Amino acid sequence: MSSPRLSPFSFTILVLVGRNGAGPHDLRRMAEQGRVYWDAAPSQWYAEPKRLAEHGYLDAHKTPGKTHERTHYTLTVRGREALAEWVKTPAALPRIQNEPVVRLAAADLVEPESVREGLAAMRAEIDDALASVRVARDRFAPRLPHRAHLLMVNHRYAERLLELQREWLDEAEAVLSDGSSRSSPPRSGSGSAPPG
């Protein structure tokens, strides 16, 4: 059997399938509730487990559903061996694409009030994400007693991260409201330094 390249997302799928198995609908639900940890296009949560099954990292079998059969994935020996090797490799700092930080940095180029207006929508998203983390902590962690202590560490991390994002938003809004974030833009063709 061929050995395809396994990405960090591949290992995310293997871990989420875990010892009890999971279907694509379960993985998608976990993705929605765990968007603080990992974000991927919805289609990837369906395509990647299928690919992993084709290469022997997961077993796929059909189970009865409410309206039609559903696919249920379980880890294979090959999947467990891949996980065992992967967890020994050095972990890197999380990759972050933080659009709000870039928007704040633009406040000296555009109207600060426009930036503040755009950032304001984050507050509801932070609240929703915190609520999802708390639901996962209270409802789903107890269903996985073998993993509950590990999930609690991750849930506390997510809560602190979201609270930090809320603090950052408070500070950003305060700076944008005081009007000192915008300086005079350079004149066109003035030989000014590149943006940075």
N, C-alpha and C. Protein backbone atom coordinates (compact mmCIF):
# COMPACT_ATOMS: atom_id res chain seq x y z
N MET A 1 0.85 -1.18 0.00
CA MET A 1 0.00 0.00 0.00
C MET A 1 0.89 1.24 0.00
N SER A 2 0.52 2.20 -0.81
CA SER A 2 1.32 3.42 -0.92
C SER A 2 1.28 4.21 0.39
N SER A 3 2.27 5.04 0.59
CA SER A 3 2.33 5.90 1.78
C SER A 3 2.20 7.35 1.35
N PRO A 4 0.99 7.88 1.39
CA PRO A 4 0.82 9.29 1.01
C PRO A 4 1.40 10.20 2.08
N ARG A 5 1.63 11.42 1.69
CA ARG A 5 2.08 12.42 2.66
C ARG A 5 0.93 12.70 3.62
N LEU A 6 1.24 12.63 4.91
CA LEU A 6 0.24 12.97 5.92
C LEU A 6 0.52 14.37 6.43
N SER A 7 -0.47 15.21 6.37
CA SER A 7 -0.34 16.60 6.81
C SER A 7 -0.76 16.70 8.27
N PRO A 8 -0.51 17.84 8.91
CA PRO A 8 -1.04 18.03 10.26
C PRO A 8 -2.55 17.83 10.32
N PHE A 9 -3.26 18.19 9.25
CA PHE A 9 -4.71 17.98 9.23
C PHE A 9 -5.04 16.49 9.20
N SER A 10 -4.22 15.68 8.51
CA SER A 10 -4.43 14.23 8.50
C SER A 10 -4.37 13.69 9.92
N PHE A 11 -3.38 14.14 10.68
CA PHE A 11 -3.24 13.67 12.05
C PHE A 11 -4.37 14.19 12.93
N THR A 12 -4.86 15.38 12.63
CA THR A 12 -6.03 15.90 13.36
C THR A 12 -7.20 14.95 13.19
N ILE A 13 -7.43 14.50 11.97
CA ILE A 13 -8.52 13.55 11.70
C ILE A 13 -8.30 12.25 12.46
N LEU A 14 -7.08 11.72 12.42
CA LEU A 14 -6.79 10.45 13.11
C LEU A 14 -7.05 10.58 14.61
N VAL A 15 -6.63 11.70 15.20
CA VAL A 15 -6.83 11.91 16.63
C VAL A 15 -8.32 12.03 16.95
N LEU A 16 -9.06 12.78 16.13
CA LEU A 16 -10.49 12.95 16.40
C LEU A 16 -11.28 11.65 16.21
N VAL A 17 -10.88 10.83 15.27
CA VAL A 17 -11.53 9.52 15.12
C VAL A 17 -11.31 8.72 16.41
N GLY A 18 -10.10 8.81 16.94
CA GLY A 18 -9.81 8.26 18.26
C GLY A 18 -10.13 6.79 18.44
N ARG A 19 -10.26 6.39 19.68
CA ARG A 19 -10.49 4.97 19.95
C ARG A 19 -11.93 4.55 19.76
N ASN A 20 -12.87 5.50 19.75
CA ASN A 20 -14.29 5.15 19.59
C ASN A 20 -14.78 5.27 18.16
N GLY A 21 -13.97 5.83 17.27
CA GLY A 21 -14.40 6.01 15.90
C GLY A 21 -15.28 7.24 15.75
N ALA A 22 -15.51 7.64 14.51
CA ALA A 22 -16.34 8.80 14.23
C ALA A 22 -16.72 8.80 12.75
N GLY A 23 -17.85 9.42 12.48
CA GLY A 23 -18.28 9.60 11.10
C GLY A 23 -17.97 11.02 10.65
N PRO A 24 -18.09 11.27 9.34
CA PRO A 24 -17.83 12.63 8.85
C PRO A 24 -18.70 13.67 9.54
N HIS A 25 -19.95 13.32 9.83
CA HIS A 25 -20.84 14.26 10.51
C HIS A 25 -20.33 14.56 11.93
N ASP A 26 -19.76 13.55 12.60
CA ASP A 26 -19.17 13.77 13.93
C ASP A 26 -17.96 14.69 13.83
N LEU A 27 -17.13 14.42 12.83
CA LEU A 27 -15.93 15.24 12.63
C LEU A 27 -16.30 16.68 12.34
N ARG A 28 -17.34 16.88 11.54
CA ARG A 28 -17.78 18.24 11.21
C ARG A 28 -18.30 18.95 12.46
N ARG A 29 -19.05 18.24 13.29
CA ARG A 29 -19.56 18.82 14.54
C ARG A 29 -18.39 19.20 15.45
N MET A 30 -17.41 18.30 15.56
CA MET A 30 -16.23 18.59 16.39
C MET A 30 -15.48 19.80 15.82
N ALA A 31 -15.45 19.90 14.49
CA ALA A 31 -14.77 21.03 13.85
C ALA A 31 -15.45 22.34 14.20
N GLU A 32 -16.77 22.35 14.17
CA GLU A 32 -17.51 23.58 14.50
C GLU A 32 -17.27 23.99 15.94
N GLN A 33 -17.25 23.00 16.84
CA GLN A 33 -17.07 23.33 18.25
C GLN A 33 -15.61 23.57 18.59
N GLY A 34 -14.71 23.08 17.76
CA GLY A 34 -13.29 23.25 18.04
C GLY A 34 -12.60 24.21 17.10
N ARG A 35 -13.34 25.14 16.53
CA ARG A 35 -12.73 26.04 15.55
C ARG A 35 -11.64 26.91 16.15
N VAL A 36 -11.60 26.97 17.47
CA VAL A 36 -10.51 27.68 18.13
C VAL A 36 -9.18 26.96 17.88
N TYR A 37 -9.25 25.63 17.76
CA TYR A 37 -8.03 24.83 17.62
C TYR A 37 -7.63 24.62 16.17
N TRP A 38 -8.61 24.39 15.29
CA TRP A 38 -8.28 24.03 13.91
C TRP A 38 -9.39 24.52 13.00
N ASP A 39 -9.00 25.16 11.93
CA ASP A 39 -9.98 25.65 10.98
C ASP A 39 -9.65 25.09 9.61
N ALA A 40 -10.65 24.51 8.98
CA ALA A 40 -10.48 23.96 7.63
C ALA A 40 -11.82 24.10 6.91
N ALA A 41 -11.76 24.07 5.60
CA ALA A 41 -12.98 24.14 4.81
C ALA A 41 -13.87 22.95 5.16
N PRO A 42 -15.18 23.14 5.21
CA PRO A 42 -16.09 22.03 5.56
C PRO A 42 -15.86 20.78 4.72
N SER A 43 -15.59 20.95 3.44
CA SER A 43 -15.40 19.78 2.57
C SER A 43 -14.21 18.93 2.99
N GLN A 44 -13.19 19.55 3.60
CA GLN A 44 -12.00 18.79 4.02
C GLN A 44 -12.33 17.79 5.12
N TRP A 45 -13.31 18.11 5.96
CA TRP A 45 -13.67 17.20 7.05
C TRP A 45 -14.34 15.93 6.52
N TYR A 46 -14.79 15.96 5.27
CA TYR A 46 -15.37 14.78 4.63
C TYR A 46 -14.34 14.09 3.73
N ALA A 47 -13.55 14.87 3.01
CA ALA A 47 -12.61 14.31 2.04
C ALA A 47 -11.41 13.64 2.70
N GLU A 48 -10.87 14.24 3.75
CA GLU A 48 -9.63 13.70 4.34
C GLU A 48 -9.83 12.33 4.98
N PRO A 49 -10.90 12.09 5.76
CA PRO A 49 -11.06 10.73 6.30
C PRO A 49 -11.23 9.68 5.19
N LYS A 50 -11.90 10.07 4.12
CA LYS A 50 -12.06 9.14 2.98
C LYS A 50 -10.69 8.81 2.39
N ARG A 51 -9.85 9.82 2.23
CA ARG A 51 -8.49 9.60 1.69
C ARG A 51 -7.67 8.72 2.63
N LEU A 52 -7.78 8.99 3.94
CA LEU A 52 -7.04 8.18 4.91
C LEU A 52 -7.50 6.73 4.90
N ALA A 53 -8.79 6.51 4.69
CA ALA A 53 -9.31 5.14 4.59
C ALA A 53 -8.79 4.45 3.34
N GLU A 54 -8.74 5.18 2.23
CA GLU A 54 -8.22 4.61 0.98
C GLU A 54 -6.77 4.14 1.12
N HIS A 55 -6.02 4.79 2.03
CA HIS A 55 -4.61 4.44 2.21
C HIS A 55 -4.36 3.59 3.45
N GLY A 56 -5.43 3.09 4.07
CA GLY A 56 -5.28 2.13 5.15
C GLY A 56 -5.06 2.68 6.55
N TYR A 57 -5.20 3.99 6.74
CA TYR A 57 -5.03 4.58 8.07
C TYR A 57 -6.32 4.53 8.89
N LEU A 58 -7.44 4.43 8.19
CA LEU A 58 -8.75 4.29 8.81
C LEU A 58 -9.50 3.16 8.13
N ASP A 59 -10.36 2.49 8.88
CA ASP A 59 -11.34 1.57 8.31
C ASP A 59 -12.64 2.33 8.17
N ALA A 60 -13.35 2.09 7.08
CA ALA A 60 -14.65 2.73 6.87
C ALA A 60 -15.70 1.64 6.77
N HIS A 61 -16.77 1.80 7.53
CA HIS A 61 -17.89 0.88 7.39
C HIS A 61 -19.20 1.65 7.54
N LYS A 62 -20.26 1.08 7.00
CA LYS A 62 -21.56 1.74 7.00
C LYS A 62 -22.33 1.38 8.26
N THR A 63 -23.00 2.37 8.82
CA THR A 63 -23.88 2.17 9.98
C THR A 63 -25.24 2.77 9.64
N PRO A 64 -26.31 2.26 10.27
CA PRO A 64 -27.63 2.83 9.99
C PRO A 64 -27.71 4.27 10.48
N GLY A 65 -28.39 5.09 9.71
CA GLY A 65 -28.64 6.48 10.10
C GLY A 65 -30.13 6.72 10.15
N LYS A 66 -30.53 7.93 10.46
CA LYS A 66 -31.96 8.26 10.54
C LYS A 66 -32.65 8.12 9.19
N THR A 67 -31.99 8.59 8.13
CA THR A 67 -32.61 8.55 6.80
C THR A 67 -31.83 7.69 5.80
N HIS A 68 -30.55 7.50 6.03
CA HIS A 68 -29.73 6.68 5.13
C HIS A 68 -28.49 6.20 5.88
N GLU A 69 -27.79 5.26 5.28
CA GLU A 69 -26.58 4.75 5.92
C GLU A 69 -25.54 5.85 6.05
N ARG A 70 -24.74 5.74 7.11
CA ARG A 70 -23.66 6.69 7.33
C ARG A 70 -22.34 5.94 7.39
N THR A 71 -21.28 6.64 7.01
CA THR A 71 -19.94 6.05 7.10
C THR A 71 -19.40 6.30 8.50
N HIS A 72 -18.82 5.27 9.08
CA HIS A 72 -18.19 5.37 10.40
C HIS A 72 -16.74 4.91 10.23
N TYR A 73 -15.82 5.74 10.71
CA TYR A 73 -14.40 5.44 10.58
C TYR A 73 -13.83 4.98 11.91
N THR A 74 -12.89 4.04 11.85
CA THR A 74 -12.14 3.62 13.03
C THR A 74 -10.66 3.58 12.66
N LEU A 75 -9.82 3.77 13.66
CA LEU A 75 -8.37 3.72 13.43
C LEU A 75 -7.92 2.30 13.12
N THR A 76 -6.99 2.19 12.21
CA THR A 76 -6.36 0.90 11.92
C THR A 76 -5.02 0.84 12.66
N VAL A 77 -4.39 -0.30 12.61
CA VAL A 77 -3.05 -0.43 13.18
C VAL A 77 -2.11 0.56 12.48
N ARG A 78 -2.25 0.67 11.17
CA ARG A 78 -1.40 1.61 10.42
C ARG A 78 -1.64 3.05 10.89
N GLY A 79 -2.88 3.40 11.15
CA GLY A 79 -3.20 4.74 11.64
C GLY A 79 -2.60 5.00 13.01
N ARG A 80 -2.68 4.01 13.90
CA ARG A 80 -2.08 4.16 15.24
C ARG A 80 -0.56 4.26 15.15
N GLU A 81 0.03 3.48 14.28
CA GLU A 81 1.49 3.55 14.12
C GLU A 81 1.92 4.91 13.58
N ALA A 82 1.15 5.45 12.64
CA ALA A 82 1.47 6.78 12.10
C ALA A 82 1.37 7.83 13.20
N LEU A 83 0.34 7.74 14.03
CA LEU A 83 0.20 8.68 15.15
C LEU A 83 1.36 8.55 16.12
N ALA A 84 1.76 7.30 16.42
CA ALA A 84 2.85 7.08 17.37
C ALA A 84 4.15 7.70 16.88
N GLU A 85 4.38 7.66 15.57
CA GLU A 85 5.59 8.29 15.01
C GLU A 85 5.46 9.81 14.99
N TRP A 86 4.30 10.29 14.61
CA TRP A 86 4.08 11.73 14.48
C TRP A 86 4.23 12.46 15.80
N VAL A 87 3.70 11.91 16.90
CA VAL A 87 3.74 12.63 18.18
C VAL A 87 5.16 12.79 18.70
N LYS A 88 6.10 12.01 18.19
CA LYS A 88 7.50 12.14 18.60
C LYS A 88 8.23 13.25 17.85
N THR A 89 7.66 13.72 16.74
CA THR A 89 8.32 14.77 15.97
C THR A 89 8.16 16.10 16.70
N PRO A 90 9.10 17.04 16.51
CA PRO A 90 9.02 18.32 17.23
C PRO A 90 7.75 19.10 16.86
N ALA A 91 7.06 19.56 17.88
CA ALA A 91 5.88 20.41 17.67
C ALA A 91 6.35 21.84 17.40
N ALA A 92 5.66 22.51 16.52
CA ALA A 92 5.99 23.90 16.18
C ALA A 92 4.98 24.83 16.83
N LEU A 93 5.34 26.10 16.92
CA LEU A 93 4.36 27.09 17.36
C LEU A 93 3.17 27.04 16.42
N PRO A 94 1.96 27.28 16.94
CA PRO A 94 0.79 27.26 16.07
C PRO A 94 0.90 28.32 14.98
N ARG A 95 0.46 27.96 13.79
CA ARG A 95 0.40 28.94 12.69
C ARG A 95 -0.82 29.80 12.91
N ILE A 96 -0.63 31.09 12.82
CA ILE A 96 -1.72 32.01 13.08
C ILE A 96 -1.88 32.94 11.90
N GLN A 97 -3.10 33.05 11.42
CA GLN A 97 -3.44 34.05 10.42
C GLN A 97 -4.44 34.97 11.11
N ASN A 98 -3.94 36.04 11.68
CA ASN A 98 -4.75 36.90 12.53
C ASN A 98 -5.13 38.16 11.77
N GLU A 99 -6.22 38.08 11.04
CA GLU A 99 -6.69 39.21 10.23
C GLU A 99 -6.98 40.46 11.06
N PRO A 100 -7.58 40.34 12.26
CA PRO A 100 -7.83 41.56 13.04
C PRO A 100 -6.55 42.34 13.37
N VAL A 101 -5.45 41.65 13.63
CA VAL A 101 -4.18 42.33 13.92
C VAL A 101 -3.74 43.15 12.71
N VAL A 102 -3.91 42.59 11.52
CA VAL A 102 -3.53 43.29 10.30
C VAL A 102 -4.45 44.50 10.09
N ARG A 103 -5.74 44.32 10.38
CA ARG A 103 -6.67 45.44 10.25
C ARG A 103 -6.28 46.59 11.19
N LEU A 104 -5.90 46.26 12.41
CA LEU A 104 -5.50 47.31 13.35
C LEU A 104 -4.27 48.04 12.82
N ALA A 105 -3.33 47.29 12.25
CA ALA A 105 -2.12 47.92 11.71
C ALA A 105 -2.44 48.86 10.55
N ALA A 106 -3.59 48.68 9.91
CA ALA A 106 -3.99 49.53 8.79
C ALA A 106 -4.59 50.85 9.25
N ALA A 107 -4.80 51.02 10.54
CA ALA A 107 -5.52 52.19 11.04
C ALA A 107 -4.77 53.50 10.83
N ASP A 108 -3.49 53.45 10.51
CA ASP A 108 -2.80 54.71 10.20
C ASP A 108 -2.89 55.04 8.72
N LEU A 109 -3.51 54.15 7.95
CA LEU A 109 -3.65 54.34 6.50
C LEU A 109 -5.09 54.67 6.10
N VAL A 110 -6.03 54.30 6.95
CA VAL A 110 -7.46 54.49 6.67
C VAL A 110 -8.11 55.15 7.88
N GLU A 111 -9.39 55.38 7.82
CA GLU A 111 -10.10 55.99 8.94
C GLU A 111 -10.15 55.00 10.12
N PRO A 112 -9.62 55.36 11.27
CA PRO A 112 -9.64 54.47 12.44
C PRO A 112 -11.06 54.02 12.81
N GLU A 113 -12.03 54.89 12.63
CA GLU A 113 -13.40 54.51 12.95
C GLU A 113 -13.88 53.36 12.06
N SER A 114 -13.44 53.33 10.81
CA SER A 114 -13.80 52.23 9.91
C SER A 114 -13.19 50.91 10.40
N VAL A 115 -11.96 50.99 10.88
CA VAL A 115 -11.30 49.79 11.43
C VAL A 115 -12.05 49.32 12.67
N ARG A 116 -12.38 50.26 13.54
CA ARG A 116 -13.11 49.92 14.77
C ARG A 116 -14.46 49.28 14.44
N GLU A 117 -15.12 49.82 13.45
CA GLU A 117 -16.41 49.27 13.02
C GLU A 117 -16.26 47.82 12.53
N GLY A 118 -15.22 47.59 11.74
CA GLY A 118 -14.98 46.24 11.24
C GLY A 118 -14.61 45.25 12.33
N LEU A 119 -13.87 45.71 13.33
CA LEU A 119 -13.46 44.82 14.42
C LEU A 119 -14.61 44.50 15.38
N ALA A 120 -15.58 45.39 15.46
CA ALA A 120 -16.65 45.24 16.46
C ALA A 120 -17.39 43.91 16.33
N ALA A 121 -17.53 43.39 15.12
CA ALA A 121 -18.25 42.12 14.92
C ALA A 121 -17.55 40.95 15.60
N MET A 122 -16.27 41.10 15.89
CA MET A 122 -15.52 40.03 16.55
C MET A 122 -16.08 39.68 17.92
N ARG A 123 -16.63 40.66 18.59
CA ARG A 123 -17.09 40.45 19.97
C ARG A 123 -18.12 39.32 20.03
N ALA A 124 -19.08 39.32 19.12
CA ALA A 124 -20.10 38.26 19.10
C ALA A 124 -19.47 36.91 18.75
N GLU A 125 -18.49 36.93 17.83
CA GLU A 125 -17.81 35.68 17.47
C GLU A 125 -17.04 35.11 18.66
N ILE A 126 -16.38 35.97 19.41
CA ILE A 126 -15.66 35.52 20.60
C ILE A 126 -16.64 34.91 21.59
N ASP A 127 -17.76 35.56 21.81
CA ASP A 127 -18.77 35.04 22.74
C ASP A 127 -19.29 33.69 22.28
N ASP A 128 -19.57 33.55 20.96
CA ASP A 128 -20.05 32.27 20.43
C ASP A 128 -19.00 31.17 20.59
N ALA A 129 -17.74 31.52 20.31
CA ALA A 129 -16.68 30.52 20.43
C ALA A 129 -16.50 30.09 21.89
N LEU A 130 -16.57 31.05 22.81
CA LEU A 130 -16.49 30.70 24.23
C LEU A 130 -17.63 29.78 24.63
N ALA A 131 -18.83 30.07 24.15
CA ALA A 131 -19.98 29.22 24.46
C ALA A 131 -19.76 27.82 23.91
N SER A 132 -19.21 27.70 22.70
CA SER A 132 -18.94 26.38 22.11
C SER A 132 -17.91 25.60 22.92
N VAL A 133 -16.88 26.29 23.36
CA VAL A 133 -15.86 25.62 24.18
C VAL A 133 -16.48 25.11 25.48
N ARG A 134 -17.32 25.92 26.08
CA ARG A 134 -17.95 25.51 27.35
C ARG A 134 -18.92 24.36 27.14
N VAL A 135 -19.63 24.35 26.03
CA VAL A 135 -20.51 23.21 25.72
C VAL A 135 -19.67 21.94 25.56
N ALA A 136 -18.58 22.06 24.80
CA ALA A 136 -17.70 20.90 24.60
C ALA A 136 -17.15 20.41 25.93
N ARG A 137 -16.75 21.35 26.78
CA ARG A 137 -16.20 20.98 28.09
C ARG A 137 -17.25 20.27 28.95
N ASP A 138 -18.44 20.83 29.00
CA ASP A 138 -19.46 20.32 29.91
C ASP A 138 -20.21 19.11 29.36
N ARG A 139 -20.42 19.07 28.05
CA ARG A 139 -21.25 18.02 27.48
C ARG A 139 -20.44 16.87 26.89
N PHE A 140 -19.37 17.20 26.16
CA PHE A 140 -18.68 16.16 25.41
C PHE A 140 -17.50 15.54 26.12
N ALA A 141 -16.78 16.31 26.92
CA ALA A 141 -15.63 15.74 27.63
C ALA A 141 -16.05 14.56 28.52
N PRO A 142 -17.18 14.64 29.26
CA PRO A 142 -17.57 13.49 30.08
C PRO A 142 -17.88 12.23 29.28
N ARG A 143 -18.20 12.38 28.01
CA ARG A 143 -18.51 11.21 27.17
C ARG A 143 -17.25 10.47 26.73
N LEU A 144 -16.10 11.08 26.97
CA LEU A 144 -14.82 10.48 26.58
C LEU A 144 -13.93 10.37 27.82
N PRO A 145 -14.29 9.50 28.75
CA PRO A 145 -13.54 9.45 30.02
C PRO A 145 -12.05 9.16 29.84
N HIS A 146 -11.69 8.41 28.81
CA HIS A 146 -10.28 8.10 28.55
C HIS A 146 -9.50 9.32 28.09
N ARG A 147 -10.21 10.35 27.64
CA ARG A 147 -9.56 11.53 27.09
C ARG A 147 -9.94 12.81 27.84
N ALA A 148 -10.84 12.72 28.81
CA ALA A 148 -11.40 13.91 29.48
C ALA A 148 -10.31 14.79 30.09
N HIS A 149 -9.33 14.21 30.76
CA HIS A 149 -8.28 15.02 31.40
C HIS A 149 -7.45 15.78 30.37
N LEU A 150 -7.29 15.21 29.19
CA LEU A 150 -6.54 15.87 28.12
C LEU A 150 -7.38 16.99 27.50
N LEU A 151 -8.66 16.70 27.30
CA LEU A 151 -9.56 17.71 26.74
C LEU A 151 -9.70 18.91 27.66
N MET A 152 -9.69 18.68 28.96
CA MET A 152 -9.83 19.80 29.90
C MET A 152 -8.66 20.77 29.78
N VAL A 153 -7.46 20.25 29.57
CA VAL A 153 -6.30 21.14 29.36
C VAL A 153 -6.54 21.99 28.11
N ASN A 154 -7.01 21.37 27.03
CA ASN A 154 -7.26 22.11 25.80
C ASN A 154 -8.40 23.10 25.95
N HIS A 155 -9.44 22.73 26.68
CA HIS A 155 -10.57 23.65 26.88
C HIS A 155 -10.15 24.86 27.70
N ARG A 156 -9.35 24.66 28.71
CA ARG A 156 -8.85 25.80 29.50
C ARG A 156 -7.98 26.71 28.63
N TYR A 157 -7.16 26.11 27.79
CA TYR A 157 -6.33 26.88 26.85
C TYR A 157 -7.23 27.73 25.94
N ALA A 158 -8.25 27.10 25.36
CA ALA A 158 -9.14 27.82 24.44
C ALA A 158 -9.85 28.97 25.15
N GLU A 159 -10.30 28.73 26.37
CA GLU A 159 -10.98 29.80 27.11
C GLU A 159 -10.03 30.97 27.36
N ARG A 160 -8.80 30.68 27.77
CA ARG A 160 -7.84 31.75 28.01
C ARG A 160 -7.49 32.50 26.72
N LEU A 161 -7.35 31.76 25.64
CA LEU A 161 -7.05 32.37 24.35
C LEU A 161 -8.17 33.31 23.91
N LEU A 162 -9.40 32.87 24.07
CA LEU A 162 -10.54 33.71 23.68
C LEU A 162 -10.69 34.92 24.60
N GLU A 163 -10.42 34.73 25.88
CA GLU A 163 -10.46 35.88 26.80
C GLU A 163 -9.36 36.88 26.43
N LEU A 164 -8.19 36.38 26.03
CA LEU A 164 -7.11 37.25 25.58
C LEU A 164 -7.52 38.02 24.31
N GLN A 165 -8.21 37.34 23.41
CA GLN A 165 -8.68 38.03 22.21
C GLN A 165 -9.68 39.13 22.56
N ARG A 166 -10.51 38.87 23.56
CA ARG A 166 -11.45 39.89 24.01
C ARG A 166 -10.70 41.09 24.61
N GLU A 167 -9.67 40.82 25.41
CA GLU A 167 -8.86 41.91 25.98
C GLU A 167 -8.17 42.70 24.88
N TRP A 168 -7.64 41.99 23.88
CA TRP A 168 -6.99 42.67 22.75
C TRP A 168 -8.00 43.57 22.05
N LEU A 169 -9.22 43.07 21.83
CA LEU A 169 -10.25 43.86 21.16
C LEU A 169 -10.60 45.10 21.97
N ASP A 170 -10.72 44.95 23.29
CA ASP A 170 -10.98 46.12 24.14
C ASP A 170 -9.89 47.17 23.97
N GLU A 171 -8.64 46.73 24.00
CA GLU A 171 -7.51 47.66 23.87
C GLU A 171 -7.48 48.30 22.48
N ALA A 172 -7.71 47.49 21.45
CA ALA A 172 -7.70 48.02 20.08
C ALA A 172 -8.79 49.06 19.90
N GLU A 173 -9.98 48.77 20.42
CA GLU A 173 -11.07 49.74 20.29
C GLU A 173 -10.76 51.04 21.04
N ALA A 174 -10.13 50.91 22.19
CA ALA A 174 -9.77 52.12 22.95
C ALA A 174 -8.77 52.96 22.19
N VAL A 175 -7.76 52.33 21.61
CA VAL A 175 -6.75 53.06 20.84
C VAL A 175 -7.39 53.71 19.61
N LEU A 176 -8.28 52.99 18.94
CA LEU A 176 -8.92 53.53 17.74
C LEU A 176 -9.88 54.67 18.09
N SER A 177 -10.48 54.61 19.27
CA SER A 177 -11.43 55.65 19.68
C SER A 177 -10.76 56.95 20.08
N ASP A 178 -9.49 56.86 20.53
CA ASP A 178 -8.86 58.10 21.01
C ASP A 178 -8.31 58.96 19.86
N GLY A 179 -8.37 58.44 18.63
CA GLY A 179 -8.02 59.25 17.47
C GLY A 179 -6.55 59.43 17.21
N SER A 180 -5.68 58.82 18.00
CA SER A 180 -4.24 59.03 17.80
C SER A 180 -3.62 58.00 16.88
N SER A 181 -4.42 57.08 16.34
CA SER A 181 -3.83 56.02 15.54
C SER A 181 -3.55 56.43 14.10
N ARG A 182 -4.09 57.56 13.66
CA ARG A 182 -3.89 57.94 12.27
C ARG A 182 -2.93 59.12 12.17
N SER A 183 -1.91 58.92 11.43
CA SER A 183 -0.98 60.02 11.16
C SER A 183 -1.23 60.48 9.73
N SER A 184 -0.62 61.55 9.35
CA SER A 184 -0.80 62.05 7.99
C SER A 184 -0.18 61.07 7.01
N PRO A 185 -0.93 60.70 5.97
CA PRO A 185 -0.35 59.78 4.99
C PRO A 185 0.75 60.46 4.20
N PRO A 186 1.75 59.70 3.75
CA PRO A 186 2.82 60.31 2.95
C PRO A 186 2.27 60.79 1.61
N ARG A 187 2.85 61.85 1.10
CA ARG A 187 2.42 62.36 -0.20
C ARG A 187 2.90 61.42 -1.29
N SER A 188 2.10 61.28 -2.30
CA SER A 188 2.44 60.42 -3.42
C SER A 188 3.74 60.88 -4.06
N GLY A 189 4.64 59.93 -4.31
CA GLY A 189 5.89 60.24 -4.98
C GLY A 189 6.88 60.99 -4.12
N SER A 190 6.69 60.97 -2.81
CA SER A 190 7.58 61.73 -1.93
C SER A 190 8.83 60.98 -1.56
N GLY A 191 8.96 59.76 -2.12
CA GLY A 191 10.16 58.98 -1.79
C GLY A 191 10.13 58.44 -0.40
N SER A 192 8.93 58.26 0.15
CA SER A 192 8.82 57.74 1.50
C SER A 192 9.24 56.28 1.57
N ALA A 193 9.56 55.85 2.74
CA ALA A 193 9.97 54.47 2.96
C ALA A 193 8.81 53.53 2.66
N PRO A 194 9.08 52.27 2.31
CA PRO A 194 8.01 51.31 2.06
C PRO A 194 7.20 51.08 3.34
N PRO A 195 5.92 50.66 3.20
CA PRO A 195 5.08 50.44 4.38
C PRO A 195 5.67 49.36 5.25
N GLY A 196 5.44 49.46 6.53
CA GLY A 196 5.95 48.43 7.43
C GLY A 196 5.63 48.71 8.84
